[in-house]
Amino acid sequence: MFSSFTSMLDLIETELKKYHFRFLKLTGSDTKENRYRKVKEFQNGDIDVFLISLTTVCWDFERSCKENCNIVA
């Protein structure tokens, strides 16, 4: 899921935790190494939801999205 607002990602994160979803959140505060690690972990299929701040989408996420990507305001 993509959003331009990290506050929206925070709200979604709260609900994901509540229902025990396995998720990762990628924001501008992540280091380059952390970003690659999280993308790799998502690609391995162990994660249900990948929350991504649109400000971090300065490199290719297309192959990381698998089948479903959603943009939330």
PDB file of N, CA and C in Angstrom:
ATOM      1  N   MET A   1       0.841  -1.161   0.000  1.00  0.00           N
ATOM      2  CA  MET A   1       0.000   0.000   0.000  1.00  0.00           C
ATOM      3  C   MET A   1       0.892   1.231   0.000  1.00  0.00           C
ATOM      4  N   PHE A   2       0.556   2.187  -0.846  1.00  0.00           N
ATOM      5  CA  PHE A   2       1.306   3.429  -0.941  1.00  0.00           C
ATOM      6  C   PHE A   2       0.474   4.588  -0.406  1.00  0.00           C
ATOM      7  N   SER A   3       1.114   5.532   0.238  1.00  0.00           N
ATOM      8  CA  SER A   3       0.448   6.758   0.671  1.00  0.00           C
ATOM      9  C   SER A   3       1.457   7.894   0.688  1.00  0.00           C
ATOM     10  N   SER A   4       0.971   9.097   0.400  1.00  0.00           N
ATOM     11  CA  SER A   4       1.851  10.275   0.490  1.00  0.00           C
ATOM     12  C   SER A   4       1.983  10.750   1.924  1.00  0.00           C
ATOM     13  N   PHE A   5       1.164  10.224   2.807  1.00  0.00           N
ATOM     14  CA  PHE A   5       1.141  10.681   4.191  1.00  0.00           C
ATOM     15  C   PHE A   5       1.568   9.558   5.138  1.00  0.00           C
ATOM     16  N   THR A   6       2.675   9.769   5.822  1.00  0.00           N
ATOM     17  CA  THR A   6       3.117   8.747   6.778  1.00  0.00           C
ATOM     18  C   THR A   6       2.123   8.614   7.925  1.00  0.00           C
ATOM     19  N   SER A   7       1.370   9.670   8.200  1.00  0.00           N
ATOM     20  CA  SER A   7       0.350   9.575   9.257  1.00  0.00           C
ATOM     21  C   SER A   7      -0.737   8.566   8.863  1.00  0.00           C
ATOM     22  N   MET A   8      -1.043   8.467   7.568  1.00  0.00           N
ATOM     23  CA  MET A   8      -2.005   7.467   7.097  1.00  0.00           C
ATOM     24  C   MET A   8      -1.410   6.068   7.260  1.00  0.00           C
ATOM     25  N   LEU A   9      -0.139   5.934   6.939  1.00  0.00           N
ATOM     26  CA  LEU A   9       0.526   4.637   7.119  1.00  0.00           C
ATOM     27  C   LEU A   9       0.540   4.242   8.592  1.00  0.00           C
ATOM     28  N   ASP A  10       0.705   5.225   9.480  1.00  0.00           N
ATOM     29  CA  ASP A  10       0.676   4.954  10.921  1.00  0.00           C
ATOM     30  C   ASP A  10      -0.690   4.417  11.355  1.00  0.00           C
ATOM     31  N   LEU A  11      -1.752   4.996  10.815  1.00  0.00           N
ATOM     32  CA  LEU A  11      -3.110   4.530  11.144  1.00  0.00           C
ATOM     33  C   LEU A  11      -3.328   3.098  10.650  1.00  0.00           C
ATOM     34  N   ILE A  12      -2.875   2.838   9.441  1.00  0.00           N
ATOM     35  CA  ILE A  12      -3.008   1.488   8.886  1.00  0.00           C
ATOM     36  C   ILE A  12      -2.168   0.506   9.690  1.00  0.00           C
ATOM     37  N   GLU A  13      -0.975   0.928  10.088  1.00  0.00           N
ATOM     38  CA  GLU A  13      -0.098   0.087  10.897  1.00  0.00           C
ATOM     39  C   GLU A  13      -0.774  -0.339  12.194  1.00  0.00           C
ATOM     40  N   THR A  14      -1.470   0.592  12.828  1.00  0.00           N
ATOM     41  CA  THR A  14      -2.180   0.282  14.075  1.00  0.00           C
ATOM     42  C   THR A  14      -3.188  -0.841  13.861  1.00  0.00           C
ATOM     43  N   GLU A  15      -3.934  -0.771  12.760  1.00  0.00           N
ATOM     44  CA  GLU A  15      -4.936  -1.804  12.472  1.00  0.00           C
ATOM     45  C   GLU A  15      -4.277  -3.135  12.098  1.00  0.00           C
ATOM     46  N   LEU A  16      -3.204  -3.076  11.352  1.00  0.00           N
ATOM     47  CA  LEU A  16      -2.500  -4.308  10.985  1.00  0.00           C
ATOM     48  C   LEU A  16      -1.982  -5.024  12.226  1.00  0.00           C
ATOM     49  N   LYS A  17      -1.450  -4.266  13.161  1.00  0.00           N
ATOM     50  CA  LYS A  17      -0.971  -4.856  14.421  1.00  0.00           C
ATOM     51  C   LYS A  17      -2.132  -5.474  15.199  1.00  0.00           C
ATOM     52  N   LYS A  18      -3.240  -4.772  15.211  1.00  0.00           N
ATOM     53  CA  LYS A  18      -4.428  -5.215  15.943  1.00  0.00           C
ATOM     54  C   LYS A  18      -4.896  -6.593  15.459  1.00  0.00           C
ATOM     55  N   TYR A  19      -4.799  -6.819  14.149  1.00  0.00           N
ATOM     56  CA  TYR A  19      -5.268  -8.076  13.560  1.00  0.00           C
ATOM     57  C   TYR A  19      -4.123  -9.035  13.218  1.00  0.00           C
ATOM     58  N   HIS A  20      -2.937  -8.745  13.733  1.00  0.00           N
ATOM     59  CA  HIS A  20      -1.774  -9.629  13.631  1.00  0.00           C
ATOM     60  C   HIS A  20      -1.327  -9.926  12.196  1.00  0.00           C
ATOM     61  N   PHE A  21      -1.432  -8.928  11.325  1.00  0.00           N
ATOM     62  CA  PHE A  21      -0.888  -9.070   9.979  1.00  0.00           C
ATOM     63  C   PHE A  21       0.630  -8.931  10.042  1.00  0.00           C
ATOM     64  N   ARG A  22       1.315  -9.648   9.186  1.00  0.00           N
ATOM     65  CA  ARG A  22       2.762  -9.495   9.042  1.00  0.00           C
ATOM     66  C   ARG A  22       2.979  -8.376   8.025  1.00  0.00           C
ATOM     67  N   PHE A  23       3.682  -7.317   8.438  1.00  0.00           N
ATOM     68  CA  PHE A  23       3.834  -6.175   7.541  1.00  0.00           C
ATOM     69  C   PHE A  23       5.187  -5.513   7.732  1.00  0.00           C
ATOM     70  N   LEU A  24       5.531  -4.720   6.734  1.00  0.00           N
ATOM     71  CA  LEU A  24       6.713  -3.864   6.792  1.00  0.00           C
ATOM     72  C   LEU A  24       6.279  -2.462   6.417  1.00  0.00           C
ATOM     73  N   LYS A  25       6.981  -1.477   6.964  1.00  0.00           N
ATOM     74  CA  LYS A  25       6.712  -0.085   6.608  1.00  0.00           C
ATOM     75  C   LYS A  25       8.009   0.551   6.133  1.00  0.00           C
ATOM     76  N   LEU A  26       7.929   1.185   4.972  1.00  0.00           N
ATOM     77  CA  LEU A  26       9.093   1.820   4.370  1.00  0.00           C
ATOM     78  C   LEU A  26       8.827   3.310   4.249  1.00  0.00           C
ATOM     79  N   THR A  27       9.667   4.102   4.906  1.00  0.00           N
ATOM     80  CA  THR A  27       9.510   5.554   4.863  1.00  0.00           C
ATOM     81  C   THR A  27      10.845   6.199   4.496  1.00  0.00           C
ATOM     82  N   GLY A  28      10.827   7.493   4.335  1.00  0.00           N
ATOM     83  CA  GLY A  28      12.026   8.229   3.991  1.00  0.00           C
ATOM     84  C   GLY A  28      13.113   8.150   5.049  1.00  0.00           C
ATOM     85  N   SER A  29      12.763   7.762   6.259  1.00  0.00           N
ATOM     86  CA  SER A  29      13.761   7.672   7.322  1.00  0.00           C
ATOM     87  C   SER A  29      14.584   6.380   7.248  1.00  0.00           C
ATOM     88  N   ASP A  30      14.157   5.434   6.409  1.00  0.00           N
ATOM     89  CA  ASP A  30      14.914   4.193   6.248  1.00  0.00           C
ATOM     90  C   ASP A  30      16.185   4.446   5.444  1.00  0.00           C
ATOM     91  N   THR A  31      17.258   3.809   5.859  1.00  0.00           N
ATOM     92  CA  THR A  31      18.505   3.909   5.103  1.00  0.00           C
ATOM     93  C   THR A  31      18.370   3.098   3.812  1.00  0.00           C
ATOM     94  N   LYS A  32      19.255   3.348   2.878  1.00  0.00           N
ATOM     95  CA  LYS A  32      19.243   2.612   1.614  1.00  0.00           C
ATOM     96  C   LYS A  32      19.355   1.110   1.863  1.00  0.00           C
ATOM     97  N   GLU A  33      20.226   0.722   2.773  1.00  0.00           N
ATOM     98  CA  GLU A  33      20.406  -0.690   3.096  1.00  0.00           C
ATOM     99  C   GLU A  33      19.131  -1.290   3.685  1.00  0.00           C
ATOM    100  N   ASN A  34      18.483  -0.526   4.560  1.00  0.00           N
ATOM    101  CA  ASN A  34      17.226  -0.974   5.165  1.00  0.00           C
ATOM    102  C   ASN A  34      16.145  -1.144   4.103  1.00  0.00           C
ATOM    103  N   ARG A  35      16.100  -0.207   3.149  1.00  0.00           N
ATOM    104  CA  ARG A  35      15.105  -0.298   2.072  1.00  0.00           C
ATOM    105  C   ARG A  35      15.282  -1.579   1.287  1.00  0.00           C
ATOM    106  N   TYR A  36      16.507  -1.888   0.891  1.00  0.00           N
ATOM    107  CA  TYR A  36      16.764  -3.109   0.129  1.00  0.00           C
ATOM    108  C   TYR A  36      16.446  -4.358   0.942  1.00  0.00           C
ATOM    109  N   ARG A  37      16.773  -4.333   2.230  1.00  0.00           N
ATOM    110  CA  ARG A  37      16.472  -5.476   3.094  1.00  0.00           C
ATOM    111  C   ARG A  37      14.968  -5.716   3.178  1.00  0.00           C
ATOM    112  N   LYS A  38      14.211  -4.639   3.354  1.00  0.00           N
ATOM    113  CA  LYS A  38      12.755  -4.766   3.469  1.00  0.00           C
ATOM    114  C   LYS A  38      12.124  -5.240   2.159  1.00  0.00           C
ATOM    115  N   VAL A  39      12.597  -4.714   1.040  1.00  0.00           N
ATOM    116  CA  VAL A  39      12.079  -5.148  -0.260  1.00  0.00           C
ATOM    117  C   VAL A  39      12.362  -6.633  -0.455  1.00  0.00           C
ATOM    118  N   LYS A  40      13.573  -7.059  -0.124  1.00  0.00           N
ATOM    119  CA  LYS A  40      13.954  -8.466  -0.257  1.00  0.00           C
ATOM    120  C   LYS A  40      13.062  -9.349   0.620  1.00  0.00           C
ATOM    121  N   GLU A  41      12.831  -8.900   1.845  1.00  0.00           N
ATOM    122  CA  GLU A  41      11.974  -9.653   2.771  1.00  0.00           C
ATOM    123  C   GLU A  41      10.555  -9.767   2.217  1.00  0.00           C
ATOM    124  N   PHE A  42      10.042  -8.695   1.639  1.00  0.00           N
ATOM    125  CA  PHE A  42       8.709  -8.720   1.039  1.00  0.00           C
ATOM    126  C   PHE A  42       8.676  -9.671  -0.158  1.00  0.00           C
ATOM    127  N   GLN A  43       9.702  -9.623  -0.974  1.00  0.00           N
ATOM    128  CA  GLN A  43       9.770 -10.486  -2.156  1.00  0.00           C
ATOM    129  C   GLN A  43       9.820 -11.964  -1.786  1.00  0.00           C
ATOM    130  N   ASN A  44      10.342 -12.274  -0.612  1.00  0.00           N
ATOM    131  CA  ASN A  44      10.408 -13.663  -0.160  1.00  0.00           C
ATOM    132  C   ASN A  44       9.035 -14.231   0.184  1.00  0.00           C
ATOM    133  N   GLY A  45       8.019 -13.364   0.288  1.00  0.00           N
ATOM    134  CA  GLY A  45       6.654 -13.833   0.515  1.00  0.00           C
ATOM    135  C   GLY A  45       6.259 -14.039   1.954  1.00  0.00           C
ATOM    136  N   ASP A  46       7.087 -13.604   2.896  1.00  0.00           N
ATOM    137  CA  ASP A  46       6.775 -13.797   4.307  1.00  0.00           C
ATOM    138  C   ASP A  46       5.941 -12.665   4.894  1.00  0.00           C
ATOM    139  N   ILE A  47       5.662 -11.641   4.097  1.00  0.00           N
ATOM    140  CA  ILE A  47       4.984 -10.437   4.573  1.00  0.00           C
ATOM    141  C   ILE A  47       3.624 -10.311   3.894  1.00  0.00           C
ATOM    142  N   ASP A  48       2.585  -9.984   4.686  1.00  0.00           N
ATOM    143  CA  ASP A  48       1.239  -9.826   4.134  1.00  0.00           C
ATOM    144  C   ASP A  48       1.044  -8.475   3.461  1.00  0.00           C
ATOM    145  N   VAL A  49       1.577  -7.416   4.088  1.00  0.00           N
ATOM    146  CA  VAL A  49       1.334  -6.054   3.617  1.00  0.00           C
ATOM    147  C   VAL A  49       2.634  -5.266   3.669  1.00  0.00           C
ATOM    148  N   PHE A  50       2.858  -4.467   2.634  1.00  0.00           N
ATOM    149  CA  PHE A  50       4.032  -3.601   2.577  1.00  0.00           C
ATOM    150  C   PHE A  50       3.519  -2.167   2.507  1.00  0.00           C
ATOM    151  N   LEU A  51       3.726  -1.405   3.575  1.00  0.00           N
ATOM    152  CA  LEU A  51       3.322   0.000   3.623  1.00  0.00           C
ATOM    153  C   LEU A  51       4.491   0.844   3.132  1.00  0.00           C
ATOM    154  N   ILE A  52       4.235   1.692   2.131  1.00  0.00           N
ATOM    155  CA  ILE A  52       5.323   2.459   1.527  1.00  0.00           C
ATOM    156  C   ILE A  52       4.931   3.916   1.391  1.00  0.00           C
ATOM    157  N   SER A  53       5.767   4.783   1.905  1.00  0.00           N
ATOM    158  CA  SER A  53       5.577   6.223   1.726  1.00  0.00           C
ATOM    159  C   SER A  53       5.954   6.568   0.293  1.00  0.00           C
ATOM    160  N   LEU A  54       5.107   7.325  -0.384  1.00  0.00           N
ATOM    161  CA  LEU A  54       5.376   7.682  -1.776  1.00  0.00           C
ATOM    162  C   LEU A  54       6.669   8.468  -1.932  1.00  0.00           C
ATOM    163  N   THR A  55       7.109   9.119  -0.883  1.00  0.00           N
ATOM    164  CA  THR A  55       8.365   9.879  -0.977  1.00  0.00           C
ATOM    165  C   THR A  55       9.573   8.968  -1.143  1.00  0.00           C
ATOM    166  N   THR A  56       9.413   7.693  -0.811  1.00  0.00           N
ATOM    167  CA  THR A  56      10.527   6.755  -0.953  1.00  0.00           C
ATOM    168  C   THR A  56      10.530   6.055  -2.310  1.00  0.00           C
ATOM    169  N   VAL A  57       9.506   6.320  -3.107  1.00  0.00           N
ATOM    170  CA  VAL A  57       9.386   5.623  -4.385  1.00  0.00           C
ATOM    171  C   VAL A  57      10.194   6.346  -5.461  1.00  0.00           C
ATOM    172  N   CYS A  58      11.462   6.536  -5.199  1.00  0.00           N
ATOM    173  CA  CYS A  58      12.343   7.151  -6.175  1.00  0.00           C
ATOM    174  C   CYS A  58      13.130   6.081  -6.911  1.00  0.00           C
ATOM    175  N   TRP A  59      12.889   4.822  -6.581  1.00  0.00           N
ATOM    176  CA  TRP A  59      13.528   3.721  -7.296  1.00  0.00           C
ATOM    177  C   TRP A  59      12.482   2.663  -7.590  1.00  0.00           C
ATOM    178  N   ASP A  60      12.771   1.665  -8.334  1.00  0.00           N
ATOM    179  CA  ASP A  60      11.824   0.728  -8.935  1.00  0.00           C
ATOM    180  C   ASP A  60      11.203  -0.228  -7.928  1.00  0.00           C
ATOM    181  N   PHE A  61       9.910  -0.012  -7.637  1.00  0.00           N
ATOM    182  CA  PHE A  61       9.172  -0.928  -6.769  1.00  0.00           C
ATOM    183  C   PHE A  61       8.292  -1.875  -7.568  1.00  0.00           C
ATOM    184  N   GLU A  62       8.182  -1.636  -8.849  1.00  0.00           N
ATOM    185  CA  GLU A  62       7.241  -2.399  -9.664  1.00  0.00           C
ATOM    186  C   GLU A  62       7.384  -3.903  -9.471  1.00  0.00           C
ATOM    187  N   ARG A  63       8.588  -4.412  -9.493  1.00  0.00           N
ATOM    188  CA  ARG A  63       8.772  -5.855  -9.340  1.00  0.00           C
ATOM    189  C   ARG A  63       8.592  -6.309  -7.909  1.00  0.00           C
ATOM    190  N   SER A  64       8.541  -5.373  -6.958  1.00  0.00           N
ATOM    191  CA  SER A  64       8.361  -5.726  -5.552  1.00  0.00           C
ATOM    192  C   SER A  64       6.897  -5.825  -5.166  1.00  0.00           C
ATOM    193  N   CYS A  65       6.040  -5.321  -6.009  1.00  0.00           N
ATOM    194  CA  CYS A  65       4.624  -5.222  -5.653  1.00  0.00           C
ATOM    195  C   CYS A  65       3.842  -6.520  -5.847  1.00  0.00           C
ATOM    196  N   LYS A  66       4.457  -7.476  -6.489  1.00  0.00           N
ATOM    197  CA  LYS A  66       3.755  -8.722  -6.805  1.00  0.00           C
ATOM    198  C   LYS A  66       2.485  -8.386  -7.598  1.00  0.00           C
ATOM    199  N   GLU A  67       1.332  -8.914  -7.217  1.00  0.00           N
ATOM    200  CA  GLU A  67       0.125  -8.682  -8.002  1.00  0.00           C
ATOM    201  C   GLU A  67      -0.661  -7.450  -7.587  1.00  0.00           C
ATOM    202  N   ASN A  68      -0.605  -7.083  -6.322  1.00  0.00           N
ATOM    203  CA  ASN A  68      -1.508  -6.054  -5.817  1.00  0.00           C
ATOM    204  C   ASN A  68      -0.780  -4.892  -5.168  1.00  0.00           C
ATOM    205  N   CYS A  69      -1.030  -3.699  -5.679  1.00  0.00           N
ATOM    206  CA  CYS A  69      -0.563  -2.473  -5.055  1.00  0.00           C
ATOM    207  C   CYS A  69      -1.743  -1.538  -4.918  1.00  0.00           C
ATOM    208  N   ASN A  70      -1.880  -0.928  -3.774  1.00  0.00           N
ATOM    209  CA  ASN A  70      -2.977   0.009  -3.536  1.00  0.00           C
ATOM    210  C   ASN A  70      -2.420   1.338  -3.071  1.00  0.00           C
ATOM    211  N   ILE A  71      -2.991   2.412  -3.581  1.00  0.00           N
ATOM    212  CA  ILE A  71      -2.587   3.750  -3.128  1.00  0.00           C
ATOM    213  C   ILE A  71      -3.706   4.294  -2.271  1.00  0.00           C
ATOM    214  N   VAL A  72      -3.367   4.721  -1.044  1.00  0.00           N
ATOM    215  CA  VAL A  72      -4.362   5.296  -0.144  1.00  0.00           C
ATOM    216  C   VAL A  72      -3.976   6.747   0.103  1.00  0.00           C
ATOM    217  N   ALA A  73      -4.998   7.596   0.225  1.00  0.00           N
ATOM    218  CA  ALA A  73      -4.745   9.032   0.428  1.00  0.00           C
ATOM    219  C   ALA A  73      -4.409   9.331   1.854  1.00  0.00           C
TER     220      ALA A  73
END
